Protein backbone atom coordinates (compact mmCIF):
# COMPACT_ATOMS: atom_id res chain seq x y z
CA MET A 1 -0.36 0.37 0.12
CA LYS A 2 2.97 2.78 0.90
CA THR A 3 4.89 1.37 -2.06
CA SER A 4 1.93 2.72 -4.39
CA ALA A 5 1.35 5.85 -2.48
CA VAL A 6 4.33 6.27 -3.00
CA LEU A 7 4.28 5.70 -6.70
CA LEU A 8 1.59 7.72 -7.28
CA ALA A 9 2.91 10.93 -5.84
CA LEU A 10 6.21 10.21 -8.00
CA PHE A 11 4.07 9.75 -10.82
CA PHE A 12 2.61 13.17 -10.34
CA SER A 13 5.75 14.80 -9.15
CA VAL A 14 6.99 13.37 -12.69
CA SER A 15 3.73 15.10 -14.16
CA ASN A 16 3.78 18.32 -13.15
CA PHE A 17 7.38 18.37 -13.83
CA ALA A 18 6.56 17.46 -17.56
CA ILE A 19 4.20 19.78 -18.14
CA GLY A 20 6.55 23.36 -16.03
CA GLN A 21 4.03 23.26 -13.49
CA VAL A 22 4.54 21.67 -9.77
CA TYR A 23 1.06 22.12 -7.21
CA ASP A 24 0.40 21.81 -3.95
CA VAL A 25 -2.08 19.31 -3.80
CA VAL A 26 -3.50 17.00 -6.65
CA SER A 27 -7.01 15.36 -5.85
CA PRO A 28 -7.54 11.46 -6.79
CA PHE A 29 -8.81 11.57 -10.67
CA GLY A 30 -11.94 10.84 -11.24
CA GLU A 31 -13.63 12.76 -8.51
CA TYR A 32 -15.17 14.89 -10.79
CA GLN A 33 -14.59 13.74 -14.17
CA GLU A 34 -13.06 9.86 -15.35
CA SER A 35 -9.54 10.98 -16.70
CA TRP A 36 -9.50 15.13 -14.73
CA ALA A 37 -8.02 15.70 -11.14
CA LEU A 38 -8.48 18.28 -8.68
CA VAL A 39 -5.08 20.42 -8.84
CA GLU A 40 -4.81 23.05 -6.32
CA LEU A 41 -1.88 26.56 -6.67
CA ASP A 42 -1.95 28.93 -3.89
CA GLY A 43 -5.23 28.69 -2.38
CA TYR A 44 -6.22 28.47 -6.29
CA LEU A 45 -8.00 25.36 -8.39
CA GLY A 46 -9.08 23.92 -11.88
CA PHE A 47 -8.00 20.29 -13.26
CA ILE A 48 -5.36 17.67 -14.93
CA ASP A 49 -6.29 15.57 -17.05
CA GLN A 50 -4.16 11.84 -17.02
CA THR A 51 -1.61 12.97 -19.08
CA GLY A 52 -0.88 15.93 -17.03
CA GLU A 53 -1.85 18.87 -19.43
CA GLU A 54 -3.93 21.18 -17.49
CA ILE A 55 -7.25 21.94 -18.55
CA VAL A 56 -8.88 24.41 -16.58
CA LYS A 57 -6.26 26.72 -15.17
CA PRO A 58 -5.43 27.43 -11.60
CA LYS A 59 -7.99 30.30 -10.97
CA TYR A 60 -10.88 29.79 -9.04
CA ASP A 61 -11.66 29.30 -5.10
CA ARG A 62 -13.83 27.16 -5.19
CA ILE A 63 -15.35 24.29 -7.64
CA GLY A 64 -18.96 22.26 -7.11
CA GLU A 65 -19.96 18.75 -8.37
CA PHE A 66 -20.13 18.61 -12.05
CA GLY A 67 -24.38 17.89 -12.60
CA GLU A 68 -25.21 20.07 -9.63
CA TYR A 69 -27.08 22.20 -11.49
CA GLN A 70 -26.91 21.29 -15.08
CA SER A 71 -25.63 18.07 -15.96
CA ASP A 72 -22.48 18.64 -17.75
CA TRP A 73 -21.32 21.48 -16.05
CA ALA A 74 -19.84 22.63 -12.75
CA LEU A 75 -20.73 25.55 -10.44
CA ILE A 76 -17.13 27.86 -10.04
CA GLU A 77 -16.96 31.04 -7.72
CA ILE A 78 -14.26 33.16 -7.90
CA ASP A 79 -13.83 36.02 -4.85
CA GLY A 80 -17.92 35.66 -3.94
CA LEU A 81 -19.04 35.65 -8.02
CA LEU A 82 -21.07 32.76 -9.20
CA GLY A 83 -20.50 30.93 -12.56
CA PHE A 84 -19.76 27.41 -14.39
CA ILE A 85 -17.92 26.10 -16.64
CA ASP A 86 -18.58 22.52 -18.92
CA LYS A 87 -17.28 19.58 -18.80
CA THR A 88 -15.14 19.95 -21.70
CA GLY A 89 -13.71 23.29 -19.35
CA VAL A 90 -15.09 25.40 -21.36
CA GLU A 91 -16.39 28.53 -18.91
CA VAL A 92 -20.37 28.85 -20.06
CA VAL A 93 -20.76 31.74 -17.67
CA LYS A 94 -17.97 33.72 -16.61
CA PRO A 95 -18.35 34.55 -12.73
CA ARG A 96 -20.33 37.50 -11.80
CA TYR A 97 -23.25 36.42 -10.32
CA ASP A 98 -23.70 36.72 -5.91
CA LYS A 99 -26.28 34.18 -6.18
CA ILE A 100 -27.58 31.06 -8.80
CA ASP A 101 -31.08 29.06 -8.08
CA GLU A 102 -31.88 25.96 -9.36
CA PHE A 103 -32.93 26.10 -12.46
CA GLY A 104 -36.22 25.07 -13.31
CA GLU A 105 -37.89 26.64 -10.56
CA TYR A 106 -39.19 29.60 -12.37
CA GLN A 107 -39.51 28.66 -16.59
CA PRO A 108 -38.32 24.82 -17.73
CA GLU A 109 -34.58 25.62 -18.36
CA TRP A 110 -34.55 29.89 -16.56
CA ALA A 111 -32.82 29.87 -13.66
CA LEU A 112 -33.14 32.73 -11.36
CA VAL A 113 -29.80 35.24 -10.64
CA GLU A 114 -28.71 37.81 -8.58
CA ILE A 115 -26.01 41.02 -8.92
CA ASP A 116 -26.10 43.33 -6.29
CA GLY A 117 -29.60 42.86 -5.03
CA LEU A 118 -31.15 42.62 -8.23
CA VAL A 119 -32.44 39.19 -10.20
CA GLY A 120 -32.85 38.03 -13.50
CA PHE A 121 -33.00 34.78 -15.34
CA LEU A 122 -30.37 32.62 -16.40
CA HIS A 123 -30.62 30.01 -19.53
CA ALA A 124 -29.72 26.68 -19.63
CA GLN A 125 -27.33 27.12 -22.33
CA GLY A 126 -25.78 30.16 -20.87
CA THR A 127 -26.79 33.33 -22.31
CA GLU A 128 -29.33 35.85 -19.99
CA ILE A 129 -32.40 35.77 -20.43
CA VAL A 130 -33.16 38.87 -18.59
CA LYS A 131 -30.55 40.85 -16.80
CA PRO A 132 -31.04 41.38 -13.07
CA GLN A 133 -32.47 44.54 -12.24
CA PHE A 134 -36.15 43.97 -10.51
CA ASP A 135 -35.66 43.95 -5.99
CA LYS A 136 -37.89 40.88 -6.90
CA ILE A 137 -40.22 38.36 -9.64
CA SER A 138 -42.68 36.47 -7.81
CA ARG A 139 -43.91 33.09 -9.96
CA PHE A 140 -44.80 32.68 -13.18
CA GLY A 141 -48.79 32.35 -13.64
CA GLU A 142 -49.74 34.33 -10.67
CA TYR A 143 -51.83 36.52 -12.56
CA GLN A 144 -51.32 35.22 -16.37
CA SER A 145 -50.26 31.99 -17.43
CA GLU A 146 -47.62 33.21 -18.99
CA TRP A 147 -46.34 36.46 -17.38
CA ALA A 148 -44.36 37.09 -13.74
CA LEU A 149 -45.28 40.15 -11.25
CA VAL A 150 -41.66 42.05 -11.23
CA GLU A 151 -41.08 44.32 -7.94
CA LEU A 152 -38.90 47.21 -8.64
CA ASP A 153 -38.14 50.56 -6.07
CA GLY A 154 -41.26 49.02 -4.56
CA LEU A 155 -43.26 49.72 -8.02
CA VAL A 156 -44.66 46.76 -10.23
CA GLY A 157 -45.29 45.40 -13.36
CA PHE A 158 -45.20 42.13 -15.55
CA LEU A 159 -42.28 40.32 -17.59
CA THR A 160 -43.52 37.67 -19.50
CA ALA A 161 -42.43 33.99 -20.09
CA ARG A 162 -40.54 34.90 -23.16
CA GLY A 163 -38.51 37.64 -20.49
CA GLU A 164 -40.07 40.65 -22.13
CA GLU A 165 -41.09 43.55 -19.52
CA ILE A 166 -44.84 43.82 -20.89
CA VAL A 167 -45.83 46.05 -18.07
CA THR A 168 -42.76 48.79 -16.47
CA PRO A 169 -43.07 48.49 -12.86
CA MET A 170 -45.02 51.82 -12.31
CA TYR A 171 -48.30 50.66 -10.15
CA ASP A 172 -48.67 50.50 -6.25
CA GLN A 173 -50.38 47.72 -7.00
CA VAL A 174 -51.97 45.29 -9.52
CA PHE A 175 -55.44 43.31 -8.40
CA GLU A 176 -56.49 40.16 -10.17
CA PHE A 177 -57.65 39.60 -14.19
CA GLY A 178 -61.04 39.56 -14.23
CA GLU A 179 -62.62 41.15 -10.95
CA PHE A 180 -64.16 43.09 -12.82
CA GLN A 181 -64.24 42.85 -16.49
CA GLU A 182 -62.82 39.71 -18.48
CA ASN A 183 -58.80 40.29 -19.37
CA TRP A 184 -58.57 43.35 -17.23
CA ALA A 185 -56.97 44.02 -14.61
CA ARG A 186 -57.18 46.73 -11.71
CA VAL A 187 -54.04 48.92 -11.46
CA LYS A 188 -53.24 51.58 -8.51
CA ILE A 189 -51.01 54.53 -8.25
CA ASP A 190 -50.58 57.39 -5.20
CA GLY A 191 -54.36 55.96 -4.38
CA LEU A 192 -55.80 56.69 -7.98
CA LEU A 193 -57.49 52.83 -10.20
CA GLY A 194 -57.31 52.31 -13.49
CA PHE A 195 -57.15 49.52 -15.84
CA ILE A 196 -54.66 47.21 -17.69
CA ASP A 197 -55.65 44.28 -19.74
CA SER A 198 -54.18 40.89 -20.34
CA GLU A 199 -52.36 42.81 -23.49
CA GLY A 200 -50.01 44.78 -20.69
CA ASN A 201 -52.18 48.00 -22.17
CA GLN A 202 -53.32 50.91 -19.85
CA VAL A 203 -56.99 51.08 -21.00
CA VAL A 204 -58.07 53.29 -18.17
CA LYS A 205 -55.92 55.28 -16.51
CA PRO A 206 -55.61 55.75 -12.79
CA LYS A 207 -57.61 58.46 -11.96
């Protein structure tokens, strides 16, 4: 057992020397991917393959397990900011988010993301569907099947399932659709009441 450990350590030393790099820690291969080993250098994490080639340069404070968020993605962190790498080592989402929720909680391929207290949505393909710009986003379908209530600076509006702002946050309160007329909802601004329709148009100005 001791001989195997010595040979393994020697292998790592030779491999590191061969690529001109010596790591502080080399974890066992296969913990993250079959042919990858997590490496640490000066407190930063990355990956090498079984030939000793550096697949991911050690530059991350933390690397999560592949599959926690997406089957081929691993969460990465730098200076408290979050992003993702894929199974080829490519940074598919640059670390820029303070928080990333699970995919599918709001829409099948969307994850709620947060920057500086503002929230938006990230798509499973790595694109930002909705820029973090709202204080709060409610679940889709509470008012309209394809709409989600959004809030900014205490004012509310609506976002569509395509990520479009169909009603700009400008109302103090939005009531349920259909209470007074089908496809209409009462809205309130500074104590004044009006109506919007199911296409987001203000059909009766608050007065």
